[in-house]
Protein backbone atom coordinates (compact mmCIF):
# COMPACT_ATOMS: atom_id res chain seq x y z
CA UNK A 1 -22.65 13.61 26.02
CA UNK A 2 -25.71 13.25 24.33
CA UNK A 3 -29.48 13.31 26.00
CA UNK A 4 -29.63 9.72 24.50
CA UNK A 5 -26.25 8.65 25.88
CA UNK A 6 -27.60 9.94 29.44
CA UNK A 7 -30.48 7.91 28.99
CA UNK A 8 -28.47 4.57 28.00
CA UNK A 9 -26.24 4.58 31.20
CA UNK A 10 -26.69 2.71 34.31
CA UNK A 11 -25.32 4.97 37.13
CA UNK A 12 -25.87 2.42 39.17
CA UNK A 13 -23.90 -0.43 36.59
CA UNK A 14 -21.56 1.84 34.23
CA UNK A 15 -20.78 0.25 31.53
CA UNK A 16 -24.23 -2.08 31.42
CA UNK A 17 -26.31 0.88 29.66
CA UNK A 18 -27.25 -0.51 25.91
CA UNK A 19 -24.85 2.07 23.75
CA UNK A 20 -22.09 1.15 26.06
CA UNK A 21 -22.40 -2.64 25.52
CA UNK A 22 -22.81 -1.46 22.22
CA UNK A 23 -19.44 0.27 21.87
CA UNK A 24 -17.44 -3.08 24.04
CA UNK A 25 -18.93 -5.68 21.84
CA UNK A 26 -17.91 -3.77 18.46
CA UNK A 27 -14.38 -3.14 20.15
CA UNK A 28 -14.46 -6.59 21.05
CA UNK A 29 -15.68 -7.69 17.09
CA UNK A 30 -13.18 -5.69 15.57
CA UNK A 31 -10.75 -7.71 17.41
CA UNK A 32 -12.28 -10.90 17.17
CA UNK A 33 -12.37 -10.17 13.32
CA UNK A 34 -8.86 -9.93 12.53
CA UNK A 35 -8.27 -12.53 14.91
CA UNK A 36 -10.28 -14.80 13.17
CA UNK A 37 -6.86 -15.29 10.53
CA UNK A 38 -4.94 -16.68 13.20
CA UNK A 39 -2.64 -19.44 11.39
CA UNK A 40 -3.77 -18.07 8.24
CA UNK A 41 -1.54 -15.52 5.87
CA UNK A 42 -3.94 -14.19 3.90
CA UNK A 43 -2.69 -12.95 0.29
CA UNK A 44 -4.98 -9.89 0.28
CA UNK A 45 -5.11 -7.83 3.85
CA UNK A 46 -8.29 -6.50 4.35
CA UNK A 47 -7.33 -2.76 3.00
CA UNK A 48 -7.10 -4.28 -0.49
CA UNK A 49 -9.78 -6.69 0.42
CA UNK A 50 -11.57 -3.57 0.67
CA UNK A 51 -10.77 -1.61 -2.32
CA UNK A 52 -10.99 -4.99 -4.93
CA UNK A 53 -14.49 -4.79 -3.56
CA UNK A 54 -15.34 -1.36 -5.11
CA UNK A 55 -12.79 -1.67 -8.34
CA UNK A 56 -14.94 -5.30 -8.76
CA UNK A 57 -18.60 -3.53 -8.24
CA UNK A 58 -17.85 -0.22 -10.18
CA UNK A 59 -14.58 -0.62 -12.71
CA UNK A 60 -11.33 1.77 -12.71
CA UNK A 61 -11.59 4.92 -10.56
CA UNK A 62 -9.17 7.01 -10.00
CA UNK A 63 -7.41 7.82 -6.58
CA UNK A 64 -9.78 10.34 -5.15
CA UNK A 65 -13.14 8.73 -6.15
CA UNK A 66 -11.49 5.31 -3.94
CA UNK A 67 -10.49 7.57 -1.36
CA UNK A 68 -13.71 9.20 -0.97
CA UNK A 69 -15.62 5.12 -1.05
CA UNK A 70 -13.24 3.96 1.35
CA UNK A 71 -13.18 7.20 4.05
CA UNK A 72 -9.48 7.55 3.47
CA UNK A 73 -7.22 10.23 2.55
CA UNK A 74 -5.88 9.91 -0.88
CA UNK A 75 -2.43 9.21 -0.20
CA UNK A 76 -3.26 6.39 2.32
CA UNK A 77 -5.30 4.48 -0.98
CA UNK A 78 -2.38 5.02 -2.63
CA UNK A 79 -0.49 3.30 -0.33
CA UNK A 80 -2.59 0.75 -0.29
CA UNK A 81 -2.99 0.45 -4.55
CA UNK A 82 0.57 0.38 -4.39
CA UNK A 83 0.78 -2.54 -2.79
CA UNK A 84 -2.13 -4.07 -4.84
CA UNK A 85 0.32 -3.34 -7.65
CA UNK A 86 2.76 -5.44 -6.60
CA UNK A 87 0.83 -8.47 -5.55
CA UNK A 88 -0.19 -7.73 -9.44
CA UNK A 89 -4.11 -7.37 -8.24
CA UNK A 90 -4.35 -4.07 -9.63
CA UNK A 91 -2.25 -1.90 -12.26
CA UNK A 92 -2.56 1.89 -12.41
CA UNK A 93 -3.39 3.44 -16.29
CA UNK A 94 -3.85 6.91 -17.05
CA UNK A 95 -7.80 8.17 -17.34
CA UNK A 96 -8.55 8.29 -21.33
CA UNK A 97 -10.99 11.23 -20.22
CA UNK A 98 -8.25 13.26 -18.61
CA UNK A 99 -4.66 11.89 -19.75
CA UNK A 100 -3.07 13.66 -16.08
CA UNK A 101 -5.70 11.89 -14.30
CA UNK A 102 -4.88 8.33 -12.93
CA UNK A 103 -7.35 5.31 -12.43
CA UNK A 104 -6.63 1.95 -11.31
CA UNK A 105 -8.74 -1.22 -11.95
CA UNK A 106 -8.46 -4.78 -10.74
CA UNK A 107 -6.80 -7.04 -12.66
CA UNK A 108 -8.00 -10.64 -13.60
CA UNK A 109 -5.50 -11.93 -10.61
CA UNK A 110 -7.26 -9.24 -8.19
CA UNK A 111 -10.45 -10.01 -9.41
CA UNK A 112 -9.77 -14.04 -8.86
CA UNK A 113 -8.18 -14.01 -5.59
CA UNK A 114 -11.24 -11.25 -4.55
CA UNK A 115 -13.57 -14.47 -5.08
CA UNK A 116 -11.01 -16.69 -3.28
CA UNK A 117 -11.12 -14.66 -0.56
CA UNK A 118 -14.98 -13.92 -0.46
CA UNK A 119 -15.36 -17.89 -0.52
CA UNK A 120 -12.56 -17.96 2.64
CA UNK A 121 -14.40 -15.27 4.28
CA UNK A 122 -18.42 -16.94 3.44
CA UNK A 123 -17.43 -20.70 4.83
CA UNK A 124 -15.94 -18.86 8.10
CA UNK A 125 -19.20 -17.07 8.62
CA UNK A 126 -21.06 -20.12 7.94
CA UNK A 127 -19.84 -22.15 10.29
CA UNK A 128 -19.29 -19.10 13.00
CA UNK A 129 -23.17 -19.00 12.31
CA UNK A 130 -24.31 -22.41 11.67
CA UNK A 131 -26.72 -22.29 14.37
CA UNK A 132 -28.28 -19.00 13.77
CA UNK A 133 -31.39 -18.88 11.96
CA UNK A 134 -31.93 -17.55 8.23
CA UNK A 135 -33.61 -14.94 9.97
CA UNK A 136 -31.26 -13.84 12.43
CA UNK A 137 -28.27 -14.03 10.23
CA UNK A 138 -30.48 -11.57 7.65
CA UNK A 139 -31.21 -9.29 10.37
CA UNK A 140 -27.38 -9.36 11.47
CA UNK A 141 -26.62 -8.49 7.69
CA UNK A 142 -29.49 -5.28 7.93
CA UNK A 143 -28.40 -4.03 11.62
CA UNK A 144 -24.79 -4.19 10.16
CA UNK A 145 -25.61 -2.85 6.82
CA UNK A 146 -27.09 -0.25 8.58
CA UNK A 147 -24.49 1.07 11.33
CA UNK A 148 -21.52 1.17 8.40
CA UNK A 149 -24.13 3.47 6.65
CA UNK A 150 -24.82 5.46 9.80
CA UNK A 151 -20.97 5.79 11.01
CA UNK A 152 -20.17 7.04 7.14
CA UNK A 153 -23.18 9.66 8.06
CA UNK A 154 -21.27 10.50 11.10
CA UNK A 155 -18.08 10.71 9.56
CA UNK A 156 -19.15 13.14 7.03
CA UNK A 157 -20.91 15.52 9.62
CA UNK A 158 -20.03 14.61 13.42
CA UNK A 159 -22.34 17.59 14.67
CA UNK A 160 -25.10 16.25 13.25
């Protein structure tokens, strides 16, 4: 346990320190975020949505580059790409710079489905955060971006 973790623990009230609250709230957030699709069968699962986000922003990429950006191993990304291919949302082809390598790109159908999913998700969060001020919404976005960056840094070097 780090010094900061000990400082944030309340011995009289276990689980009430700031870091304990963060841990619990993140666990609840992840469960609730997945549950928001209840009654809705998304055509595009979270993993495919995130892969298409990268492909849409960066263009065609190899499996290893996709895996690195997602923080996953190449075999996991390959399975996700196969799923996107079956749905018609992505296609694999030979890398024109290296015929031995494969690159993945979003199809027009995949780009269209990604945009539909972005609109659906944005509308949902617009309703959820309707009572939040623009400043609160911006702060939440900034803090989540920072948390994701720090999680990526931790994943790369957990001993730091």
